[in-house]
C-alpha atoms as a PDB file:
ATOM      1  CA  MET A   1     -23.637  21.053 -17.009  1.00  0.00           C
ATOM      2  CA  SER A   2     -21.075  21.757 -14.300  1.00  0.00           C
ATOM      3  CA  THR A   3     -21.098  24.752 -11.999  1.00  0.00           C
ATOM      4  CA  ASP A   4     -17.678  25.019 -10.333  1.00  0.00           C
ATOM      5  CA  SER A   5     -17.157  21.635  -8.566  1.00  0.00           C
ATOM      6  CA  LEU A   6     -21.082  20.164  -9.008  1.00  0.00           C
ATOM      7  CA  ASP A   7     -22.382  18.482 -12.009  1.00  0.00           C
ATOM      8  CA  TYR A   8     -24.352  14.969 -12.613  1.00  0.00           C
ATOM      9  CA  THR A   9     -24.084  12.765 -14.289  1.00  0.00           C
ATOM     10  CA  VAL A  10     -26.642   9.485 -15.149  1.00  0.00           C
ATOM     11  CA  HIS A  11     -26.526   5.826 -15.803  1.00  0.00           C
ATOM     12  CA  VAL A  12     -29.030   4.284 -18.017  1.00  0.00           C
ATOM     13  CA  SER A  13     -29.874   0.596 -17.437  1.00  0.00           C
ATOM     14  CA  ASP A  14     -30.472  -1.594 -19.960  1.00  0.00           C
ATOM     15  CA  PRO A  15     -34.752  -3.109 -20.738  1.00  0.00           C
ATOM     16  CA  VAL A  16     -34.800  -6.668 -18.988  1.00  0.00           C
ATOM     17  CA  PRO A  17     -37.805  -8.687 -20.045  1.00  0.00           C
ATOM     18  CA  LEU A  18     -40.341 -10.150 -18.523  1.00  0.00           C
ATOM     19  CA  SER A  19     -41.218 -13.849 -17.249  1.00  0.00           C
ATOM     20  CA  VAL A  20     -44.464 -13.424 -19.712  1.00  0.00           C
ATOM     21  CA  THR A  21     -44.097 -14.934 -22.746  1.00  0.00           C
ATOM     22  CA  GLU A  22     -47.241 -13.695 -24.054  1.00  0.00           C
ATOM     23  CA  PRO A  23     -45.784 -11.205 -27.281  1.00  0.00           C
ATOM     24  CA  LEU A  24     -47.461  -7.848 -27.589  1.00  0.00           C
ATOM     25  CA  PRO A  25     -50.436  -7.130 -30.579  1.00  0.00           C
ATOM     26  CA  ASN A  26     -47.631  -6.250 -33.122  1.00  0.00           C
ATOM     27  CA  GLY A  27     -45.796 -10.042 -32.383  1.00  0.00           C
ATOM     28  CA  GLU A  28     -42.717  -7.976 -29.957  1.00  0.00           C
ATOM     29  CA  MET A  29     -41.710  -9.622 -27.239  1.00  0.00           C
ATOM     30  CA  ARG A  30     -42.132  -8.383 -23.623  1.00  0.00           C
ATOM     31  CA  THR A  31     -39.505  -5.672 -22.235  1.00  0.00           C
ATOM     32  CA  PHE A  32     -39.279  -2.917 -19.624  1.00  0.00           C
ATOM     33  CA  GLN A  33     -38.186   0.373 -19.825  1.00  0.00           C
ATOM     34  CA  PRO A  34     -34.521   1.198 -19.268  1.00  0.00           C
ATOM     35  CA  ILE A  35     -34.282   2.920 -16.538  1.00  0.00           C
ATOM     36  CA  SER A  36     -32.282   6.249 -15.163  1.00  0.00           C
ATOM     37  CA  THR A  37     -30.076   6.694 -12.260  1.00  0.00           C
ATOM     38  CA  THR A  38     -28.935  10.031 -11.608  1.00  0.00           C
ATOM     39  CA  LEU A  39     -25.643  10.844  -9.394  1.00  0.00           C
ATOM     40  CA  ILE A  40     -25.268  14.887  -8.254  1.00  0.00           C
ATOM     41  CA  HIS A  41     -21.675  15.280  -6.861  1.00  0.00           C
ATOM     42  CA  GLY A  42     -19.095  17.825  -5.923  1.00  0.00           C
ATOM     43  CA  GLU A  43     -15.580  17.380  -5.346  1.00  0.00           C
ATOM     44  CA  ARG A  44     -16.083  14.841  -2.582  1.00  0.00           C
ATOM     45  CA  ASP A  45     -19.327  13.787  -2.252  1.00  0.00           C
ATOM     46  CA  ALA A  46     -22.295  12.931  -4.478  1.00  0.00           C
ATOM     47  CA  VAL A  47     -26.167  11.739  -3.667  1.00  0.00           C
ATOM     48  CA  LEU A  48     -27.383   9.387  -5.798  1.00  0.00           C
ATOM     49  CA  VAL A  49     -31.561   8.996  -7.725  1.00  0.00           C
ATOM     50  CA  ASP A  50     -33.676   6.237  -8.314  1.00  0.00           C
ATOM     51  CA  PRO A  51     -31.314   3.369  -8.864  1.00  0.00           C
ATOM     52  CA  PRO A  52     -32.237   0.484 -10.295  1.00  0.00           C
ATOM     53  CA  PHE A  53     -34.397  -2.663  -9.095  1.00  0.00           C
ATOM     54  CA  THR A  54     -33.161  -6.310 -10.436  1.00  0.00           C
ATOM     55  CA  MET A  55     -30.208  -7.570  -8.524  1.00  0.00           C
ATOM     56  CA  ARG A  56     -27.945  -7.810 -11.780  1.00  0.00           C
ATOM     57  CA  GLN A  57     -28.755  -3.882 -12.557  1.00  0.00           C
ATOM     58  CA  ILE A  58     -27.886  -3.120  -8.920  1.00  0.00           C
ATOM     59  CA  GLU A  59     -24.870  -4.549  -9.428  1.00  0.00           C
ATOM     60  CA  ASP A  60     -23.512  -2.415 -12.244  1.00  0.00           C
ATOM     61  CA  VAL A  61     -24.798   0.605 -10.664  1.00  0.00           C
ATOM     62  CA  ALA A  62     -23.305  -0.073  -7.626  1.00  0.00           C
ATOM     63  CA  ALA A  63     -19.500  -0.867 -10.024  1.00  0.00           C
ATOM     64  CA  TRP A  64     -20.583   2.536 -11.447  1.00  0.00           C
ATOM     65  CA  VAL A  65     -20.893   4.611  -8.166  1.00  0.00           C
ATOM     66  CA  ALA A  66     -18.299   2.870  -6.768  1.00  0.00           C
ATOM     67  CA  ALA A  67     -15.987   4.160  -9.825  1.00  0.00           C
ATOM     68  CA  GLY A  68     -17.063   7.539  -9.178  1.00  0.00           C
ATOM     69  CA  GLY A  69     -15.028   7.173  -5.865  1.00  0.00           C
ATOM     70  CA  LYS A  70     -17.378   9.968  -4.498  1.00  0.00           C
ATOM     71  CA  ASN A  71     -18.839   9.215  -0.132  1.00  0.00           C
ATOM     72  CA  ILE A  72     -22.661   8.821  -1.394  1.00  0.00           C
ATOM     73  CA  THR A  73     -24.498  11.245   1.432  1.00  0.00           C
ATOM     74  CA  ALA A  74     -27.984  10.295   0.554  1.00  0.00           C
ATOM     75  CA  ILE A  75     -30.346   7.837  -1.746  1.00  0.00           C
ATOM     76  CA  LEU A  76     -32.860  10.161  -2.846  1.00  0.00           C
ATOM     77  CA  ALA A  77     -36.801   7.998  -4.261  1.00  0.00           C
ATOM     78  CA  THR A  78     -38.544  10.155  -6.965  1.00  0.00           C
ATOM     79  CA  HIS A  79     -41.675   7.997  -6.461  1.00  0.00           C
ATOM     80  CA  GLY A  80     -43.344   4.665  -4.858  1.00  0.00           C
ATOM     81  CA  HIS A  81     -42.834   2.298  -8.055  1.00  0.00           C
ATOM     82  CA  GLY A  82     -40.834  -0.526  -7.292  1.00  0.00           C
ATOM     83  CA  ASP A  83     -38.389  -0.508 -10.224  1.00  0.00           C
ATOM     84  CA  HIS A  84     -37.086   2.932  -8.962  1.00  0.00           C
ATOM     85  CA  TRP A  85     -36.568   2.576  -5.284  1.00  0.00           C
ATOM     86  CA  PHE A  86     -36.754  -1.675  -4.734  1.00  0.00           C
ATOM     87  CA  GLY A  87     -32.892  -1.451  -4.947  1.00  0.00           C
ATOM     88  CA  ASP A  88     -31.905   0.970  -2.336  1.00  0.00           C
ATOM     89  CA  ARG A  89     -31.327  -0.867   0.741  1.00  0.00           C
ATOM     90  CA  GLU A  90     -28.484  -2.168  -1.181  1.00  0.00           C
ATOM     91  CA  PHE A  91     -27.344   0.860  -2.121  1.00  0.00           C
ATOM     92  CA  SER A  92     -27.931   2.147   1.572  1.00  0.00           C
ATOM     93  CA  GLN A  93     -25.803  -0.722   2.926  1.00  0.00           C
ATOM     94  CA  ARG A  94     -22.640  -0.711   0.425  1.00  0.00           C
ATOM     95  CA  PHE A  95     -22.418   3.398   0.334  1.00  0.00           C
ATOM     96  CA  ASP A  96     -24.086   3.705   4.206  1.00  0.00           C
ATOM     97  CA  ALA A  97     -26.201   6.463   3.005  1.00  0.00           C
ATOM     98  CA  PRO A  98     -29.840   6.924   4.208  1.00  0.00           C
ATOM     99  CA  ILE A  99     -32.837   6.229   1.902  1.00  0.00           C
ATOM    100  CA  VAL A 100     -34.628   9.784   1.984  1.00  0.00           C
ATOM    101  CA  ALA A 101     -38.349  10.907   0.228  1.00  0.00           C
ATOM    102  CA  THR A 102     -41.139  12.617   0.255  1.00  0.00           C
ATOM    103  CA  ALA A 103     -44.384  11.832   2.938  1.00  0.00           C
ATOM    104  CA  GLY A 104     -46.431  10.528  -0.366  1.00  0.00           C
ATOM    105  CA  THR A 105     -43.550   8.686  -2.178  1.00  0.00           C
ATOM    106  CA  ILE A 106     -42.724   6.601   0.868  1.00  0.00           C
ATOM    107  CA  ALA A 107     -47.019   5.962   1.713  1.00  0.00           C
ATOM    108  CA  VAL A 108     -46.787   4.903  -2.420  1.00  0.00           C
ATOM    109  CA  MET A 109     -43.588   2.491  -2.097  1.00  0.00           C
ATOM    110  CA  HIS A 110     -45.627   0.543   0.963  1.00  0.00           C
ATOM    111  CA  GLY A 111     -47.905   0.195  -1.474  1.00  0.00           C
ATOM    112  CA  ASN A 112     -45.584  -1.962  -3.715  1.00  0.00           C
ATOM    113  CA  VAL A 113     -44.245  -3.885  -1.135  1.00  0.00           C
ATOM    114  CA  GLU A 114     -48.015  -5.251  -0.546  1.00  0.00           C
ATOM    115  CA  ALA A 115     -47.824  -5.462  -4.374  1.00  0.00           C
ATOM    116  CA  ARG A 116     -44.976  -7.290  -4.715  1.00  0.00           C
ATOM    117  CA  GLN A 117     -46.274 -10.866  -4.568  1.00  0.00           C
ATOM    118  CA  PHE A 118     -48.807 -10.277  -7.240  1.00  0.00           C
ATOM    119  CA  VAL A 119     -46.736  -8.263  -9.981  1.00  0.00           C
ATOM    120  CA  TRP A 120     -43.233  -7.500  -9.266  1.00  0.00           C
ATOM    121  CA  ASP A 121     -41.960 -10.944  -8.172  1.00  0.00           C
ATOM    122  CA  ARG A 122     -43.910 -12.853 -11.029  1.00  0.00           C
ATOM    123  CA  LEU A 123     -42.601 -10.623 -13.611  1.00  0.00           C
ATOM    124  CA  TRP A 124     -39.004 -11.358 -12.378  1.00  0.00           C
ATOM    125  CA  PRO A 125     -38.769 -14.131 -10.022  1.00  0.00           C
ATOM    126  CA  GLY A 126     -35.954 -14.432  -7.650  1.00  0.00           C
ATOM    127  CA  GLN A 127     -34.820 -10.938  -9.806  1.00  0.00           C
ATOM    128  CA  ILE A 128     -35.112  -8.324  -7.011  1.00  0.00           C
ATOM    129  CA  PRO A 129     -33.880  -8.239  -3.570  1.00  0.00           C
ATOM    130  CA  ASP A 130     -35.387  -7.701  -0.539  1.00  0.00           C
ATOM    131  CA  ALA A 131     -37.038  -3.943  -0.106  1.00  0.00           C
ATOM    132  CA  PRO A 132     -38.788  -3.240   3.016  1.00  0.00           C
ATOM    133  CA  VAL A 133     -39.108   0.550   3.306  1.00  0.00           C
ATOM    134  CA  THR A 134     -36.740   2.151   4.970  1.00  0.00           C
ATOM    135  CA  ALA A 135     -36.755   5.896   3.782  1.00  0.00           C
ATOM    136  CA  VAL A 136     -36.846   8.880   5.890  1.00  0.00           C
ATOM    137  CA  THR A 137     -37.892  11.927   5.185  1.00  0.00           C
ATOM    138  CA  ALA A 138     -36.113  15.217   5.197  1.00  0.00           C
ATOM    139  CA  PRO A 139     -36.877  18.676   6.659  1.00  0.00           C
ATOM    140  CA  ASP A 140     -38.082  21.143   4.198  1.00  0.00           C
ATOM    141  CA  THR A 141     -37.717  18.188   2.019  1.00  0.00           C
ATOM    142  CA  THR A 142     -34.647  19.794   1.395  1.00  0.00           C
ATOM    143  CA  LEU A 143     -30.770  18.233   1.265  1.00  0.00           C
ATOM    144  CA  THR A 144     -27.440  20.304   1.289  1.00  0.00           C
ATOM    145  CA  LEU A 145     -24.329  18.623  -1.016  1.00  0.00           C
ATOM    146  CA  GLU A 146     -20.900  20.626  -0.597  1.00  0.00           C
ATOM    147  CA  GLY A 147     -23.114  23.949  -0.065  1.00  0.00           C
ATOM    148  CA  HIS A 148     -25.465  23.397  -3.144  1.00  0.00           C
ATOM    149  CA  GLU A 149     -29.520  22.866  -2.305  1.00  0.00           C
ATOM    150  CA  ILE A 150     -30.853  19.752  -3.617  1.00  0.00           C
ATOM    151  CA  ARG A 151     -34.946  20.013  -3.305  1.00  0.00           C
ATOM    152  CA  LEU A 152     -37.520  17.274  -3.072  1.00  0.00           C
ATOM    153  CA  VAL A 153     -40.290  18.823  -5.079  1.00  0.00           C
ATOM    154  CA  ASP A 154     -44.068  17.717  -4.239  1.00  0.00           C
ATOM    155  CA  VAL A 155     -46.006  17.157  -8.046  1.00  0.00           C
ATOM    156  CA  GLY A 156     -48.811  15.211  -7.159  1.00  0.00           C
ATOM    157  CA  HIS A 157     -50.509  12.448  -9.851  1.00  0.00           C
ATOM    158  CA  THR A 158     -47.707  11.197 -12.944  1.00  0.00           C
ATOM    159  CA  ASP A 159     -47.907   7.641 -13.625  1.00  0.00           C
ATOM    160  CA  THR A 160     -48.475   7.135 -10.014  1.00  0.00           C
ATOM    161  CA  GLU A 161     -49.818   8.956  -7.245  1.00  0.00           C
ATOM    162  CA  ARG A 162     -47.914  11.465  -4.430  1.00  0.00           C
ATOM    163  CA  THR A 163     -45.117  11.474  -6.898  1.00  0.00           C
ATOM    164  CA  SER A 164     -41.926  14.304  -6.465  1.00  0.00           C
ATOM    165  CA  VAL A 165     -39.032  15.420  -8.434  1.00  0.00           C
ATOM    166  CA  VAL A 166     -35.241  16.418  -7.576  1.00  0.00           C
ATOM    167  CA  HIS A 167     -34.715  20.558  -8.315  1.00  0.00           C
ATOM    168  CA  VAL A 168     -30.918  21.429  -8.659  1.00  0.00           C
ATOM    169  CA  PRO A 169     -31.309  24.566  -8.935  1.00  0.00           C
ATOM    170  CA  ASP A 170     -27.595  25.554  -9.212  1.00  0.00           C
ATOM    171  CA  LEU A 171     -27.426  23.086 -12.380  1.00  0.00           C
ATOM    172  CA  ASP A 172     -30.521  23.748 -13.847  1.00  0.00           C
ATOM    173  CA  LEU A 173     -31.408  20.599 -13.586  1.00  0.00           C
ATOM    174  CA  VAL A 174     -34.882  18.404 -12.550  1.00  0.00           C
ATOM    175  CA  ILE A 175     -34.603  14.471 -12.411  1.00  0.00           C
ATOM    176  CA  ALA A 176     -37.810  13.787 -12.968  1.00  0.00           C
ATOM    177  CA  GLY A 177     -38.457  10.448 -12.092  1.00  0.00           C
ATOM    178  CA  ASP A 178     -41.606   9.076 -13.997  1.00  0.00           C
ATOM    179  CA  ALA A 179     -43.041  13.053 -14.732  1.00  0.00           C
ATOM    180  CA  LEU A 180     -41.525  12.961 -17.390  1.00  0.00           C
ATOM    181  CA  TYR A 181     -40.367  10.734 -20.327  1.00  0.00           C
ATOM    182  CA  ASN A 182     -37.789  10.677 -23.034  1.00  0.00           C
ATOM    183  CA  GLY A 183     -37.459   8.434 -25.583  1.00  0.00           C
ATOM    184  CA  GLY A 184     -40.404   5.715 -24.816  1.00  0.00           C
ATOM    185  CA  HIS A 185     -43.982   5.162 -24.833  1.00  0.00           C
ATOM    186  CA  VAL A 186     -45.433   6.563 -21.183  1.00  0.00           C
ATOM    187  CA  PHE A 187     -47.348   5.014 -18.534  1.00  0.00           C
ATOM    188  CA  ILE A 188     -50.547   5.634 -18.193  1.00  0.00           C
ATOM    189  CA  GLY A 189     -52.410   2.539 -16.364  1.00  0.00           C
ATOM    190  CA  GLU A 190     -53.013   4.819 -13.483  1.00  0.00           C
ATOM    191  CA  SER A 191     -54.520   7.494 -14.656  1.00  0.00           C
ATOM    192  CA  ALA A 192     -57.948   6.519 -15.458  1.00  0.00           C
ATOM    193  CA  GLY A 193     -60.840   9.385 -14.349  1.00  0.00           C
ATOM    194  CA  GLY A 194     -58.937  12.606 -15.078  1.00  0.00           C
ATOM    195  CA  GLY A 195     -55.198  11.573 -14.241  1.00  0.00           C
ATOM    196  CA  LEU A 196     -53.729  12.924 -17.881  1.00  0.00           C
ATOM    197  CA  ASP A 197     -55.487  16.213 -16.425  1.00  0.00           C
ATOM    198  CA  ALA A 198     -53.670  15.868 -13.236  1.00  0.00           C
ATOM    199  CA  TRP A 199     -50.627  14.906 -14.674  1.00  0.00           C
ATOM    200  CA  ARG A 200     -50.760  18.012 -16.900  1.00  0.00           C
ATOM    201  CA  GLY A 201     -50.647  19.956 -13.923  1.00  0.00           C
ATOM    202  CA  ALA A 202     -47.864  18.128 -12.114  1.00  0.00           C
ATOM    203  CA  ILE A 203     -45.773  19.116 -15.241  1.00  0.00           C
ATOM    204  CA  ARG A 204     -46.490  22.761 -15.340  1.00  0.00           C
ATOM    205  CA  THR A 205     -44.863  22.715 -11.782  1.00  0.00           C
ATOM    206  CA  ILE A 206     -41.733  21.140 -13.665  1.00  0.00           C
ATOM    207  CA  GLU A 207     -42.313  23.500 -16.056  1.00  0.00           C
ATOM    208  CA  ALA A 208     -42.487  26.631 -13.215  1.00  0.00           C
ATOM    209  CA  LEU A 209     -38.652  25.152 -11.636  1.00  0.00           C
ATOM    210  CA  THR A 210     -37.660  26.694 -14.635  1.00  0.00           C
ATOM    211  CA  PRO A 211     -35.140  23.792 -15.162  1.00  0.00           C
ATOM    212  CA  ARG A 212     -32.398  23.513 -18.679  1.00  0.00           C
ATOM    213  CA  HIS A 213     -31.345  20.607 -17.539  1.00  0.00           C
ATOM    214  CA  ILE A 214     -34.472  16.987 -17.435  1.00  0.00           C
ATOM    215  CA  VAL A 215     -33.047  13.311 -16.626  1.00  0.00           C
ATOM    216  CA  ALA A 216     -36.420  11.169 -17.034  1.00  0.00           C
ATOM    217  CA  GLY A 217     -37.131   7.830 -14.905  1.00  0.00           C
ATOM    218  CA  HIS A 218     -37.050   6.167 -18.428  1.00  0.00           C
ATOM    219  CA  LYS A 219     -34.978   7.544 -21.321  1.00  0.00           C
ATOM    220  CA  ASP A 220     -32.788   6.196 -24.519  1.00  0.00           C
ATOM    221  CA  LYS A 221     -29.784   6.670 -23.402  1.00  0.00           C
ATOM    222  CA  ASP A 222     -28.609   7.977 -26.957  1.00  0.00           C
ATOM    223  CA  LEU A 223     -30.939  11.260 -26.237  1.00  0.00           C
ATOM    224  CA  ASP A 224     -29.940  14.628 -24.057  1.00  0.00           C
ATOM    225  CA  ASP A 225     -31.578  15.913 -21.534  1.00  0.00           C
ATOM    226  CA  ASN A 226     -32.611  19.432 -22.718  1.00  0.00           C
ATOM    227  CA  ALA A 227     -36.012  20.205 -20.783  1.00  0.00           C
ATOM    228  CA  ASP A 228     -38.014  22.057 -23.406  1.00  0.00           C
ATOM    229  CA  ARG A 229     -37.968  18.792 -25.551  1.00  0.00           C
ATOM    230  CA  VAL A 230     -38.554  16.097 -23.027  1.00  0.00           C
ATOM    231  CA  ILE A 231     -41.847  18.544 -21.726  1.00  0.00           C
ATOM    232  CA  SER A 232     -42.900  19.185 -25.069  1.00  0.00           C
ATOM    233  CA  GLU A 233     -42.923  15.232 -26.103  1.00  0.00           C
ATOM    234  CA  THR A 234     -43.920  14.215 -23.015  1.00  0.00           C
ATOM    235  CA  ARG A 235     -46.966  16.716 -23.473  1.00  0.00           C
ATOM    236  CA  GLN A 236     -47.851  15.743 -26.795  1.00  0.00           C
ATOM    237  CA  TYR A 237     -47.925  12.170 -26.109  1.00  0.00           C
ATOM    238  CA  LEU A 238     -50.557  12.292 -23.009  1.00  0.00           C
ATOM    239  CA  ASP A 239     -52.569  14.705 -25.552  1.00  0.00           C
ATOM    240  CA  ASP A 240     -52.029  11.892 -28.495  1.00  0.00           C
ATOM    241  CA  ALA A 241     -53.087   9.086 -25.670  1.00  0.00           C
ATOM    242  CA  GLU A 242     -56.230  11.440 -24.434  1.00  0.00           C
ATOM    243  CA  ALA A 243     -57.578  11.987 -28.312  1.00  0.00           C
ATOM    244  CA  SER A 244     -56.940   7.884 -28.874  1.00  0.00           C
ATOM    245  CA  LEU A 245     -58.936   6.845 -25.367  1.00  0.00           C
ATOM    246  CA  ALA A 246     -61.562   8.598 -27.119  1.00  0.00           C
ATOM    247  CA  GLU A 247     -61.830   7.548 -30.156  1.00  0.00           C
ATOM    248  CA  CYS A 248     -60.813   3.707 -29.395  1.00  0.00           C
ATOM    249  CA  SER A 249     -62.662   1.169 -28.049  1.00  0.00           C
ATOM    250  CA  SER A 250     -60.737  -1.315 -27.112  1.00  0.00           C
ATOM    251  CA  ALA A 251     -56.841  -1.737 -25.679  1.00  0.00           C
ATOM    252  CA  THR A 252     -55.899  -3.309 -29.072  1.00  0.00           C
ATOM    253  CA  GLU A 253     -57.323  -0.551 -30.615  1.00  0.00           C
ATOM    254  CA  PHE A 254     -55.344   1.762 -28.390  1.00  0.00           C
ATOM    255  CA  PHE A 255     -51.832   0.140 -28.736  1.00  0.00           C
ATOM    256  CA  ARG A 256     -51.824   0.218 -32.356  1.00  0.00           C
ATOM    257  CA  ALA A 257     -52.998   3.635 -32.401  1.00  0.00           C
ATOM    258  CA  MET A 258     -50.154   5.112 -30.157  1.00  0.00           C
ATOM    259  CA  VAL A 259     -47.739   2.869 -32.084  1.00  0.00           C
ATOM    260  CA  GLU A 260     -48.754   4.483 -35.181  1.00  0.00           C
ATOM    261  CA  ARG A 261     -49.103   8.072 -34.103  1.00  0.00           C
ATOM    262  CA  HIS A 262     -45.479   7.700 -32.282  1.00  0.00           C
ATOM    263  CA  PRO A 263     -43.364   4.989 -34.673  1.00  0.00           C
ATOM    264  CA  ASP A 264     -40.257   6.405 -33.668  1.00  0.00           C
ATOM    265  CA  LEU A 265     -40.389   5.347 -29.894  1.00  0.00           C
ATOM    266  CA  PRO A 266     -37.615   2.326 -29.603  1.00  0.00           C
ATOM    267  CA  TYR A 267     -39.109   1.780 -25.967  1.00  0.00           C
ATOM    268  CA  GLY A 268     -41.614   1.053 -23.870  1.00  0.00           C
ATOM    269  CA  ARG A 269     -44.382  -0.859 -26.108  1.00  0.00           C
ATOM    270  CA  THR A 270     -45.004  -2.790 -23.121  1.00  0.00           C
ATOM    271  CA  LEU A 271     -45.981  -0.196 -20.513  1.00  0.00           C
ATOM    272  CA  LEU A 272     -48.032   0.790 -23.089  1.00  0.00           C
ATOM    273  CA  TRP A 273     -49.780  -2.594 -23.566  1.00  0.00           C
ATOM    274  CA  VAL A 274     -50.363  -2.800 -20.442  1.00  0.00           C
ATOM    275  CA  GLY A 275     -51.846   1.067 -19.713  1.00  0.00           C
ATOM    276  CA  ALA A 276     -54.110   0.108 -22.355  1.00  0.00           C
ATOM    277  CA  LYS A 277     -55.459  -3.056 -21.056  1.00  0.00           C
ATOM    278  CA  THR A 278     -55.571  -1.409 -17.159  1.00  0.00           C
ATOM    279  CA  ILE A 279     -57.537   1.503 -18.385  1.00  0.00           C
ATOM    280  CA  TYR A 280     -59.880  -0.376 -20.466  1.00  0.00           C
ATOM    281  CA  ALA A 281     -60.590  -3.009 -18.299  1.00  0.00           C
ATOM    282  CA  LEU A 282     -61.464  -0.451 -15.859  1.00  0.00           C
ATOM    283  CA  ARG A 283     -64.454   0.605 -18.265  1.00  0.00           C
ATOM    284  CA  GLU A 284     -66.228  -2.317 -18.136  1.00  0.00           C
ATOM    285  CA  PRO A 285     -68.919  -2.351 -15.833  1.00  0.00           C
ATOM    286  CA  GLY A 286     -68.462  -3.108 -12.256  1.00  0.00           C
ATOM    287  CA  ALA A 287     -64.552  -3.626 -12.837  1.00  0.00           C
ATOM    288  CA  ASP A 288     -61.933  -4.022  -9.936  1.00  0.00           C
ATOM    289  CA  THR A 289     -59.587  -1.627  -9.988  1.00  0.00           C
ATOM    290  CA  ALA A 290     -56.757  -3.885  -8.387  1.00  0.00           C
ATOM    291  CA  ALA A 291     -57.620  -6.649 -10.307  1.00  0.00           C
ATOM    292  CA  ALA A 292     -57.414  -4.719 -13.228  1.00  0.00           C
ATOM    293  CA  ALA A 293     -53.756  -3.610 -12.541  1.00  0.00           C
ATOM    294  CA  VAL A 294     -52.206  -6.934 -11.937  1.00  0.00           C
ATOM    295  CA  GLY A 295     -54.700  -7.997 -14.968  1.00  0.00           C
ATOM    296  CA  GLY A 296     -52.908  -5.790 -17.231  1.00  0.00           C
ATOM    297  CA  TRP A 297     -49.423  -7.169 -16.913  1.00  0.00           C
ATOM    298  CA  PHE A 298     -50.146 -10.935 -17.702  1.00  0.00           C
END
């Protein structure tokens, strides 16, 4: 996974519980997904991608970064979901590095700030730092790390709108954010009305980059980053979700069908349930999109 002094390492933050005490339909308590943070590093400098969002996770990852002894030159965000960037300002201040994202990601960041009081701060009260949007774009969406290009590539809709991935050609590496998942259920709550087809298009865009390694934004830390496997399994999950949505008449039925189709996935059943509740709420006559999105969490 290295080219001369260029390499990458991944820190996976363990799942954190939610404040919601109602169990999932299978009786499990609700926990969030593990979160992947990637450090692309050269001999002296490094770029940090998608740090986590709660203060405890931030402290753990900051200690991990500091222990590496590299000079952090930039902090990248792949997409606008707060769990992948609400910690960015903490890292920016601690390591004196700018926050960089695409224009699309920055727009979605603002939406997630507006949603904090309705979702994020209710799910993790007092655990998320102040997180104004301070990200900037990079010229040609490209950075350089010790002579190696790091590219932010727009891929469009995945598990949210206007997402990007980080491509490091000299490592045959894509840091995929939530465009691809690795060892957990996939969040489809924002994919009503053709979103799964758009997501398949995003996967084709990633595939065209011909990566050998893919770091998924949510991954089982015991699994490798084999690109072919990660792409194939995410694509299969989306196909299974589409088939189950056509067959199932309720969120509970869909949840149980997807657990049955993927019994070996250890993570993400909370996001499976949130997505199911949201999608099926939107099927009701006169459904309100915002109310369905918020209601899916509670």
